[in-house]
Amino acid sequence: MGRSGFSTIEMIIVVILIGIVASLGFPRIRTAVQKTNVRSTRVFLAGATATARAAAIQRGCRGVVHFTSGAAGTVWVTACPRMAAGAGTVDTLGAVEQLASRYSVTLTATRDSVQFNPRGLNMDYLMTVVRVQGASVVASDSTVINQIGKVVH
């Protein structure tokens, strides 16, 4: 006599409720992902700067962190070669990272590179600001490399 299971009306109500909950939560999830991508980019920039500074101190020569701005923003670190230094030769430390495509952000740097001397100090004594912009206005931040070469967030 009694049938077990769900009626069509009950199933439709459940699907509608799931749709409402998902539509309320999706924008918040998207914003959280964008903020996380901006934060990850900022952390990577700080790490690359520390790598360039450490390489300059360890190798006793100039270490440089390079930036390209825009939607194709990349970051890489170079230093003098560890073995058999020649005129115009440099080692690229790590990979050339395309942060803009990896994290879906746009980079805007006030300069194209920051150079560190063998003492680990910024050679130009100029402040460099790298602004990281996510897909929305809410998701943006910047990394500042001050005049002595320290990363300030």
Foldseek 3Di string as FASTA:
>chain_A
DDDDDDDPVVVVVVVVVVVVVCVVCVVVVVLVLLQVLQVVVQVVVQVQLVVQLVLQQVQQAKKKWFWDFFLQIWIWIWTADNPDGDPPDIDIDDDTGRSSVVSVKTKDKPDGMFMAHNVSFTPVLAKMKIKIGHPDPSRIDIWIQGSGGHIDD
